[in-house]
Amino acid sequence: VKLLAVTLTLVTLALCCSSASAKICPSFPQILESLFRHTLPRFETVLENVSPNWDMRNAAIELQKLADTLPEKTRGDIFRLMEKVVQSSMCD
């Protein structure tokens, strides 16, 4: 289950940083931070800023619940990795 959470997050990051959707990258770190570091209500608030449909919202909430099962250090390390990728040339 933990591997699923990490895998889904990495896939999401890859999609958001593809050349076709590079404009999404500036807001992505905020969503990642909320995913890995905030409570569910705070995550839901941040999530609403991107206007997901019902299925997307539910999937994101499930992902956040899975991420919450990871140790705090692991969540922080994953967040820092994603932040580094978003700031790298991969998102140019």
PDB file of N, CA and C in Angstrom:
ATOM      1  N   VAL A   1       0.830  -1.185   0.000  1.00  0.00           N
ATOM      2  CA  VAL A   1       0.000   0.000   0.000  1.00  0.00           C
ATOM      3  C   VAL A   1       0.875   1.250   0.000  1.00  0.00           C
ATOM      4  N   LYS A   2       1.949   1.248   0.798  1.00  0.00           N
ATOM      5  CA  LYS A   2       2.847   2.399   0.838  1.00  0.00           C
ATOM      6  C   LYS A   2       3.512   2.600  -0.517  1.00  0.00           C
ATOM      7  N   LEU A   3       3.911   1.501  -1.138  1.00  0.00           N
ATOM      8  CA  LEU A   3       4.523   1.593  -2.455  1.00  0.00           C
ATOM      9  C   LEU A   3       3.541   2.175  -3.458  1.00  0.00           C
ATOM     10  N   LEU A   4       2.272   1.827  -3.325  1.00  0.00           N
ATOM     11  CA  LEU A   4       1.241   2.368  -4.209  1.00  0.00           C
ATOM     12  C   LEU A   4       1.149   3.883  -4.068  1.00  0.00           C
ATOM     13  N   ALA A   5       1.188   4.382  -2.849  1.00  0.00           N
ATOM     14  CA  ALA A   5       1.108   5.830  -2.623  1.00  0.00           C
ATOM     15  C   ALA A   5       2.276   6.545  -3.280  1.00  0.00           C
ATOM     16  N   VAL A   6       3.469   6.012  -3.102  1.00  0.00           N
ATOM     17  CA  VAL A   6       4.650   6.629  -3.701  1.00  0.00           C
ATOM     18  C   VAL A   6       4.580   6.546  -5.221  1.00  0.00           C
ATOM     19  N   THR A   7       4.185   5.408  -5.745  1.00  0.00           N
ATOM     20  CA  THR A   7       4.084   5.228  -7.194  1.00  0.00           C
ATOM     21  C   THR A   7       3.078   6.189  -7.801  1.00  0.00           C
ATOM     22  N   LEU A   8       1.903   6.297  -7.191  1.00  0.00           N
ATOM     23  CA  LEU A   8       0.887   7.220  -7.705  1.00  0.00           C
ATOM     24  C   LEU A   8       1.380   8.660  -7.678  1.00  0.00           C
ATOM     25  N   THR A   9       2.093   9.020  -6.638  1.00  0.00           N
ATOM     26  CA  THR A   9       2.616  10.377  -6.547  1.00  0.00           C
ATOM     27  C   THR A   9       3.648  10.639  -7.626  1.00  0.00           C
ATOM     28  N   LEU A  10       4.532   9.692  -7.864  1.00  0.00           N
ATOM     29  CA  LEU A  10       5.543   9.866  -8.912  1.00  0.00           C
ATOM     30  C   LEU A  10       4.911   9.941 -10.294  1.00  0.00           C
ATOM     31  N   VAL A  11       3.892   9.152 -10.540  1.00  0.00           N
ATOM     32  CA  VAL A  11       3.187   9.217 -11.828  1.00  0.00           C
ATOM     33  C   VAL A  11       2.527  10.580 -11.990  1.00  0.00           C
ATOM     34  N   THR A  12       1.902  11.063 -10.930  1.00  0.00           N
ATOM     35  CA  THR A  12       1.280  12.387 -10.979  1.00  0.00           C
ATOM     36  C   THR A  12       2.313  13.453 -11.279  1.00  0.00           C
ATOM     37  N   LEU A  13       3.454  13.364 -10.628  1.00  0.00           N
ATOM     38  CA  LEU A  13       4.527  14.322 -10.876  1.00  0.00           C
ATOM     39  C   LEU A  13       4.994  14.264 -12.316  1.00  0.00           C
ATOM     40  N   ALA A  14       5.161  13.077 -12.841  1.00  0.00           N
ATOM     41  CA  ALA A  14       5.602  12.935 -14.231  1.00  0.00           C
ATOM     42  C   ALA A  14       4.604  13.567 -15.191  1.00  0.00           C
ATOM     43  N   LEU A  15       3.334  13.372 -14.943  1.00  0.00           N
ATOM     44  CA  LEU A  15       2.308  13.960 -15.807  1.00  0.00           C
ATOM     45  C   LEU A  15       2.303  15.475 -15.707  1.00  0.00           C
ATOM     46  N   CYS A  16       2.473  15.980 -14.512  1.00  0.00           N
ATOM     47  CA  CYS A  16       2.426  17.430 -14.322  1.00  0.00           C
ATOM     48  C   CYS A  16       3.661  18.127 -14.864  1.00  0.00           C
ATOM     49  N   CYS A  17       4.741  17.418 -15.006  1.00  0.00           N
ATOM     50  CA  CYS A  17       5.961  18.034 -15.501  1.00  0.00           C
ATOM     51  C   CYS A  17       6.242  17.698 -16.953  1.00  0.00           C
ATOM     52  N   SER A  18       5.331  17.052 -17.627  1.00  0.00           N
ATOM     53  CA  SER A  18       5.542  16.796 -19.046  1.00  0.00           C
ATOM     54  C   SER A  18       5.495  18.114 -19.790  1.00  0.00           C
ATOM     55  N   SER A  19       6.115  18.175 -20.936  1.00  0.00           N
ATOM     56  CA  SER A  19       6.166  19.424 -21.688  1.00  0.00           C
ATOM     57  C   SER A  19       4.772  19.917 -22.043  1.00  0.00           C
ATOM     58  N   ALA A  20       3.825  19.028 -22.186  1.00  0.00           N
ATOM     59  CA  ALA A  20       2.459  19.425 -22.535  1.00  0.00           C
ATOM     60  C   ALA A  20       1.746  20.118 -21.380  1.00  0.00           C
ATOM     61  N   SER A  21       2.206  19.876 -20.164  1.00  0.00           N
ATOM     62  CA  SER A  21       1.521  20.472 -19.018  1.00  0.00           C
ATOM     63  C   SER A  21       2.479  21.227 -18.106  1.00  0.00           C
ATOM     64  N   ALA A  22       3.535  21.782 -18.653  1.00  0.00           N
ATOM     65  CA  ALA A  22       4.546  22.472 -17.852  1.00  0.00           C
ATOM     66  C   ALA A  22       3.967  23.640 -17.066  1.00  0.00           C
ATOM     67  N   LYS A  23       2.873  24.218 -17.516  1.00  0.00           N
ATOM     68  CA  LYS A  23       2.275  25.347 -16.816  1.00  0.00           C
ATOM     69  C   LYS A  23       1.714  24.942 -15.462  1.00  0.00           C
ATOM     70  N   ILE A  24       1.531  23.672 -15.214  1.00  0.00           N
ATOM     71  CA  ILE A  24       1.013  23.196 -13.936  1.00  0.00           C
ATOM     72  C   ILE A  24       2.102  23.211 -12.865  1.00  0.00           C
ATOM     73  N   CYS A  25       3.346  23.087 -13.259  1.00  0.00           N
ATOM     74  CA  CYS A  25       4.439  22.931 -12.300  1.00  0.00           C
ATOM     75  C   CYS A  25       4.514  24.001 -11.212  1.00  0.00           C
ATOM     76  N   PRO A  26       4.267  25.285 -11.468  1.00  0.00           N
ATOM     77  CA  PRO A  26       4.410  26.263 -10.389  1.00  0.00           C
ATOM     78  C   PRO A  26       3.512  26.008  -9.174  1.00  0.00           C
ATOM     79  N   SER A  27       2.342  25.473  -9.341  1.00  0.00           N
ATOM     80  CA  SER A  27       1.463  25.219  -8.191  1.00  0.00           C
ATOM     81  C   SER A  27       1.638  23.817  -7.622  1.00  0.00           C
ATOM     82  N   PHE A  28       2.347  22.983  -8.316  1.00  0.00           N
ATOM     83  CA  PHE A  28       2.470  21.597  -7.889  1.00  0.00           C
ATOM     84  C   PHE A  28       3.162  21.439  -6.535  1.00  0.00           C
ATOM     85  N   PRO A  29       4.231  22.201  -6.234  1.00  0.00           N
ATOM     86  CA  PRO A  29       4.855  22.046  -4.907  1.00  0.00           C
ATOM     87  C   PRO A  29       3.895  22.315  -3.751  1.00  0.00           C
ATOM     88  N   GLN A  30       2.977  23.251  -3.912  1.00  0.00           N
ATOM     89  CA  GLN A  30       1.998  23.539  -2.859  1.00  0.00           C
ATOM     90  C   GLN A  30       1.089  22.330  -2.625  1.00  0.00           C
ATOM     91  N   ILE A  31       0.676  21.701  -3.706  1.00  0.00           N
ATOM     92  CA  ILE A  31      -0.177  20.522  -3.584  1.00  0.00           C
ATOM     93  C   ILE A  31       0.603  19.374  -2.949  1.00  0.00           C
ATOM     94  N   LEU A  32       1.854  19.200  -3.377  1.00  0.00           N
ATOM     95  CA  LEU A  32       2.690  18.151  -2.785  1.00  0.00           C
ATOM     96  C   LEU A  32       2.900  18.370  -1.296  1.00  0.00           C
ATOM     97  N   GLU A  33       3.198  19.613  -0.933  1.00  0.00           N
ATOM     98  CA  GLU A  33       3.412  19.902   0.482  1.00  0.00           C
ATOM     99  C   GLU A  33       2.163  19.564   1.289  1.00  0.00           C
ATOM    100  N   SER A  34       1.035  19.942   0.770  1.00  0.00           N
ATOM    101  CA  SER A  34      -0.212  19.644   1.466  1.00  0.00           C
ATOM    102  C   SER A  34      -0.467  18.139   1.526  1.00  0.00           C
ATOM    103  N   LEU A  35      -0.157  17.447   0.442  1.00  0.00           N
ATOM    104  CA  LEU A  35      -0.334  15.996   0.392  1.00  0.00           C
ATOM    105  C   LEU A  35       0.474  15.297   1.477  1.00  0.00           C
ATOM    106  N   PHE A  36       1.727  15.702   1.645  1.00  0.00           N
ATOM    107  CA  PHE A  36       2.626  14.994   2.551  1.00  0.00           C
ATOM    108  C   PHE A  36       2.752  15.604   3.942  1.00  0.00           C
ATOM    109  N   ARG A  37       2.336  16.865   4.129  1.00  0.00           N
ATOM    110  CA  ARG A  37       2.608  17.510   5.412  1.00  0.00           C
ATOM    111  C   ARG A  37       1.392  18.071   6.131  1.00  0.00           C
ATOM    112  N   HIS A  38       0.254  18.167   5.472  1.00  0.00           N
ATOM    113  CA  HIS A  38      -0.902  18.798   6.107  1.00  0.00           C
ATOM    114  C   HIS A  38      -1.979  17.781   6.467  1.00  0.00           C
ATOM    115  N   THR A  39      -2.913  18.243   7.259  1.00  0.00           N
ATOM    116  CA  THR A  39      -4.058  17.412   7.634  1.00  0.00           C
ATOM    117  C   THR A  39      -4.988  17.254   6.433  1.00  0.00           C
ATOM    118  N   LEU A  40      -5.883  16.296   6.519  1.00  0.00           N
ATOM    119  CA  LEU A  40      -6.839  16.063   5.436  1.00  0.00           C
ATOM    120  C   LEU A  40      -7.685  17.302   5.127  1.00  0.00           C
ATOM    121  N   PRO A  41      -8.242  17.999   6.135  1.00  0.00           N
ATOM    122  CA  PRO A  41      -9.031  19.195   5.798  1.00  0.00           C
ATOM    123  C   PRO A  41      -8.213  20.261   5.052  1.00  0.00           C
ATOM    124  N   ARG A  42      -6.973  20.453   5.463  1.00  0.00           N
ATOM    125  CA  ARG A  42      -6.114  21.441   4.780  1.00  0.00           C
ATOM    126  C   ARG A  42      -5.824  20.977   3.355  1.00  0.00           C
ATOM    127  N   PHE A  43      -5.545  19.692   3.178  1.00  0.00           N
ATOM    128  CA  PHE A  43      -5.291  19.147   1.844  1.00  0.00           C
ATOM    129  C   PHE A  43      -6.506  19.350   0.947  1.00  0.00           C
ATOM    130  N   GLU A  44      -7.693  19.097   1.489  1.00  0.00           N
ATOM    131  CA  GLU A  44      -8.919  19.286   0.705  1.00  0.00           C
ATOM    132  C   GLU A  44      -9.072  20.741   0.264  1.00  0.00           C
ATOM    133  N   THR A  45      -8.716  21.672   1.127  1.00  0.00           N
ATOM    134  CA  THR A  45      -8.793  23.095   0.784  1.00  0.00           C
ATOM    135  C   THR A  45      -7.845  23.426  -0.359  1.00  0.00           C
ATOM    136  N   VAL A  46      -6.613  22.961  -0.264  1.00  0.00           N
ATOM    137  CA  VAL A  46      -5.630  23.206  -1.330  1.00  0.00           C
ATOM    138  C   VAL A  46      -6.077  22.527  -2.618  1.00  0.00           C
ATOM    139  N   LEU A  47      -6.590  21.343  -2.498  1.00  0.00           N
ATOM    140  CA  LEU A  47      -7.043  20.576  -3.656  1.00  0.00           C
ATOM    141  C   LEU A  47      -8.158  21.298  -4.409  1.00  0.00           C
ATOM    142  N   GLU A  48      -9.041  21.949  -3.691  1.00  0.00           N
ATOM    143  CA  GLU A  48     -10.156  22.660  -4.334  1.00  0.00           C
ATOM    144  C   GLU A  48      -9.668  23.775  -5.253  1.00  0.00           C
ATOM    145  N   ASN A  49      -8.458  24.276  -5.026  1.00  0.00           N
ATOM    146  CA  ASN A  49      -7.907  25.335  -5.880  1.00  0.00           C
ATOM    147  C   ASN A  49      -7.702  24.885  -7.320  1.00  0.00           C
ATOM    148  N   VAL A  50      -7.598  23.579  -7.543  1.00  0.00           N
ATOM    149  CA  VAL A  50      -7.407  23.074  -8.911  1.00  0.00           C
ATOM    150  C   VAL A  50      -8.702  22.526  -9.504  1.00  0.00           C
ATOM    151  N   SER A  51      -9.796  22.682  -8.784  1.00  0.00           N
ATOM    152  CA  SER A  51     -11.132  22.291  -9.264  1.00  0.00           C
ATOM    153  C   SER A  51     -11.206  20.865  -9.818  1.00  0.00           C
ATOM    154  N   PRO A  52     -10.824  19.877  -9.015  1.00  0.00           N
ATOM    155  CA  PRO A  52     -10.910  18.499  -9.512  1.00  0.00           C
ATOM    156  C   PRO A  52     -12.363  18.040  -9.599  1.00  0.00           C
ATOM    157  N   ASN A  53     -12.610  17.094 -10.499  1.00  0.00           N
ATOM    158  CA  ASN A  53     -13.954  16.519 -10.503  1.00  0.00           C
ATOM    159  C   ASN A  53     -14.062  15.574  -9.298  1.00  0.00           C
ATOM    160  N   TRP A  54     -15.247  15.034  -9.071  1.00  0.00           N
ATOM    161  CA  TRP A  54     -15.500  14.218  -7.880  1.00  0.00           C
ATOM    162  C   TRP A  54     -14.558  13.016  -7.788  1.00  0.00           C
ATOM    163  N   ASP A  55     -14.356  12.316  -8.910  1.00  0.00           N
ATOM    164  CA  ASP A  55     -13.482  11.137  -8.903  1.00  0.00           C
ATOM    165  C   ASP A  55     -12.038  11.519  -8.602  1.00  0.00           C
ATOM    166  N   MET A  56     -11.563  12.612  -9.206  1.00  0.00           N
ATOM    167  CA  MET A  56     -10.192  13.067  -8.943  1.00  0.00           C
ATOM    168  C   MET A  56     -10.020  13.448  -7.478  1.00  0.00           C
ATOM    169  N   ARG A  57     -10.999  14.154  -6.938  1.00  0.00           N
ATOM    170  CA  ARG A  57     -10.949  14.584  -5.544  1.00  0.00           C
ATOM    171  C   ARG A  57     -10.886  13.367  -4.621  1.00  0.00           C
ATOM    172  N   ASN A  58     -11.745  12.392  -4.861  1.00  0.00           N
ATOM    173  CA  ASN A  58     -11.750  11.189  -4.028  1.00  0.00           C
ATOM    174  C   ASN A  58     -10.439  10.419  -4.142  1.00  0.00           C
ATOM    175  N   ALA A  59      -9.899  10.322  -5.351  1.00  0.00           N
ATOM    176  CA  ALA A  59      -8.620   9.629  -5.541  1.00  0.00           C
ATOM    177  C   ALA A  59      -7.500  10.360  -4.801  1.00  0.00           C
ATOM    178  N   ALA A  60      -7.492  11.681  -4.874  1.00  0.00           N
ATOM    179  CA  ALA A  60      -6.463  12.462  -4.182  1.00  0.00           C
ATOM    180  C   ALA A  60      -6.578  12.300  -2.669  1.00  0.00           C
ATOM    181  N   ILE A  61      -7.788  12.263  -2.166  1.00  0.00           N
ATOM    182  CA  ILE A  61      -7.990  12.067  -0.725  1.00  0.00           C
ATOM    183  C   ILE A  61      -7.505  10.680  -0.306  1.00  0.00           C
ATOM    184  N   GLU A  62      -7.776   9.675  -1.120  1.00  0.00           N
ATOM    185  CA  GLU A  62      -7.272   8.328  -0.824  1.00  0.00           C
ATOM    186  C   GLU A  62      -5.744   8.316  -0.832  1.00  0.00           C
ATOM    187  N   LEU A  63      -5.142   9.025  -1.790  1.00  0.00           N
ATOM    188  CA  LEU A  63      -3.683   9.104  -1.855  1.00  0.00           C
ATOM    189  C   LEU A  63      -3.134   9.781  -0.604  1.00  0.00           C
ATOM    190  N   GLN A  64      -3.780  10.836  -0.152  1.00  0.00           N
ATOM    191  CA  GLN A  64      -3.327  11.527   1.049  1.00  0.00           C
ATOM    192  C   GLN A  64      -3.438  10.608   2.267  1.00  0.00           C
ATOM    193  N   LYS A  65      -4.496   9.834   2.339  1.00  0.00           N
ATOM    194  CA  LYS A  65      -4.652   8.878   3.444  1.00  0.00           C
ATOM    195  C   LYS A  65      -3.545   7.828   3.415  1.00  0.00           C
ATOM    196  N   LEU A  66      -3.188   7.369   2.215  1.00  0.00           N
ATOM    197  CA  LEU A  66      -2.085   6.411   2.094  1.00  0.00           C
ATOM    198  C   LEU A  66      -0.762   7.059   2.494  1.00  0.00           C
ATOM    199  N   ALA A  67      -0.549   8.285   2.046  1.00  0.00           N
ATOM    200  CA  ALA A  67       0.684   8.996   2.391  1.00  0.00           C
ATOM    201  C   ALA A  67       0.796   9.170   3.904  1.00  0.00           C
ATOM    202  N   ASP A  68      -0.326   9.368   4.576  1.00  0.00           N
ATOM    203  CA  ASP A  68      -0.322   9.524   6.033  1.00  0.00           C
ATOM    204  C   ASP A  68       0.154   8.273   6.757  1.00  0.00           C
ATOM    205  N   THR A  69       0.111   7.121   6.099  1.00  0.00           N
ATOM    206  CA  THR A  69       0.570   5.890   6.745  1.00  0.00           C
ATOM    207  C   THR A  69       2.090   5.770   6.723  1.00  0.00           C
ATOM    208  N   LEU A  70       2.751   6.595   5.916  1.00  0.00           N
ATOM    209  CA  LEU A  70       4.209   6.573   5.849  1.00  0.00           C
ATOM    210  C   LEU A  70       4.793   7.290   7.061  1.00  0.00           C
ATOM    211  N   PRO A  71       5.988   6.873   7.507  1.00  0.00           N
ATOM    212  CA  PRO A  71       6.633   7.601   8.603  1.00  0.00           C
ATOM    213  C   PRO A  71       6.867   9.062   8.204  1.00  0.00           C
ATOM    214  N   GLU A  72       6.855   9.942   9.188  1.00  0.00           N
ATOM    215  CA  GLU A  72       7.013  11.375   8.926  1.00  0.00           C
ATOM    216  C   GLU A  72       8.296  11.676   8.151  1.00  0.00           C
ATOM    217  N   LYS A  73       9.392  11.036   8.517  1.00  0.00           N
ATOM    218  CA  LYS A  73      10.659  11.275   7.820  1.00  0.00           C
ATOM    219  C   LYS A  73      10.552  10.876   6.351  1.00  0.00           C
ATOM    220  N   THR A  74       9.929   9.759   6.084  1.00  0.00           N
ATOM    221  CA  THR A  74       9.761   9.300   4.703  1.00  0.00           C
ATOM    222  C   THR A  74       8.917  10.287   3.911  1.00  0.00           C
ATOM    223  N   ARG A  75       7.827  10.767   4.502  1.00  0.00           N
ATOM    224  CA  ARG A  75       6.986  11.762   3.814  1.00  0.00           C
ATOM    225  C   ARG A  75       7.793  13.012   3.494  1.00  0.00           C
ATOM    226  N   GLY A  76       8.593  13.463   4.449  1.00  0.00           N
ATOM    227  CA  GLY A  76       9.431  14.642   4.219  1.00  0.00           C
ATOM    228  C   GLY A  76      10.443  14.411   3.118  1.00  0.00           C
ATOM    229  N   ASP A  77      11.070  13.236   3.119  1.00  0.00           N
ATOM    230  CA  ASP A  77      12.053  12.915   2.080  1.00  0.00           C
ATOM    231  C   ASP A  77      11.404  12.851   0.701  1.00  0.00           C
ATOM    232  N   ILE A  78      10.221  12.257   0.616  1.00  0.00           N
ATOM    233  CA  ILE A  78       9.510  12.184  -0.666  1.00  0.00           C
ATOM    234  C   ILE A  78       9.147  13.590  -1.134  1.00  0.00           C
ATOM    235  N   PHE A  79       8.652  14.420  -0.219  1.00  0.00           N
ATOM    236  CA  PHE A  79       8.298  15.793  -0.585  1.00  0.00           C
ATOM    237  C   PHE A  79       9.516  16.542  -1.109  1.00  0.00           C
ATOM    238  N   ARG A  80      10.643  16.430  -0.424  1.00  0.00           N
ATOM    239  CA  ARG A  80      11.859  17.129  -0.867  1.00  0.00           C
ATOM    240  C   ARG A  80      12.334  16.615  -2.223  1.00  0.00           C
ATOM    241  N   LEU A  81      12.204  15.318  -2.464  1.00  0.00           N
ATOM    242  CA  LEU A  81      12.561  14.758  -3.768  1.00  0.00           C
ATOM    243  C   LEU A  81      11.669  15.339  -4.856  1.00  0.00           C
ATOM    244  N   MET A  82      10.380  15.340  -4.632  1.00  0.00           N
ATOM    245  CA  MET A  82       9.443  15.873  -5.629  1.00  0.00           C
ATOM    246  C   MET A  82       9.701  17.356  -5.877  1.00  0.00           C
ATOM    247  N   GLU A  83       9.956  18.088  -4.811  1.00  0.00           N
ATOM    248  CA  GLU A  83      10.248  19.514  -4.942  1.00  0.00           C
ATOM    249  C   GLU A  83      11.498  19.726  -5.797  1.00  0.00           C
ATOM    250  N   LYS A  84      12.498  18.896  -5.577  1.00  0.00           N
ATOM    251  CA  LYS A  84      13.734  18.992  -6.357  1.00  0.00           C
ATOM    252  C   LYS A  84      13.470  18.695  -7.831  1.00  0.00           C
ATOM    253  N   VAL A  85      12.652  17.689  -8.104  1.00  0.00           N
ATOM    254  CA  VAL A  85      12.325  17.345  -9.492  1.00  0.00           C
ATOM    255  C   VAL A  85      11.571  18.489 -10.158  1.00  0.00           C
ATOM    256  N   VAL A  86      10.597  19.062  -9.461  1.00  0.00           N
ATOM    257  CA  VAL A  86       9.809  20.161 -10.026  1.00  0.00           C
ATOM    258  C   VAL A  86      10.701  21.354 -10.351  1.00  0.00           C
ATOM    259  N   GLN A  87      11.741  21.576  -9.557  1.00  0.00           N
ATOM    260  CA  GLN A  87      12.641  22.705  -9.771  1.00  0.00           C
ATOM    261  C   GLN A  87      13.756  22.381 -10.756  1.00  0.00           C
ATOM    262  N   SER A  88      13.835  21.144 -11.192  1.00  0.00           N
ATOM    263  CA  SER A  88      14.910  20.734 -12.091  1.00  0.00           C
ATOM    264  C   SER A  88      14.584  21.069 -13.541  1.00  0.00           C
ATOM    265  N   SER A  89      15.518  20.778 -14.397  1.00  0.00           N
ATOM    266  CA  SER A  89      15.329  21.032 -15.830  1.00  0.00           C
ATOM    267  C   SER A  89      14.248  20.139 -16.429  1.00  0.00           C
ATOM    268  N   MET A  90      13.804  19.120 -15.709  1.00  0.00           N
ATOM    269  CA  MET A  90      12.725  18.258 -16.203  1.00  0.00           C
ATOM    270  C   MET A  90      11.434  19.043 -16.415  1.00  0.00           C
ATOM    271  N   CYS A  91      11.275  20.130 -15.679  1.00  0.00           N
ATOM    272  CA  CYS A  91      10.041  20.921 -15.771  1.00  0.00           C
ATOM    273  C   CYS A  91      10.221  22.199 -16.581  1.00  0.00           C
ATOM    274  N   ASP A  92      11.314  22.326 -17.265  1.00  0.00           N
ATOM    275  CA  ASP A  92      11.528  23.517 -18.115  1.00  0.00           C
ATOM    276  C   ASP A  92      10.777  23.398 -19.407  1.00  0.00           C
TER     277      ASP A  92
END
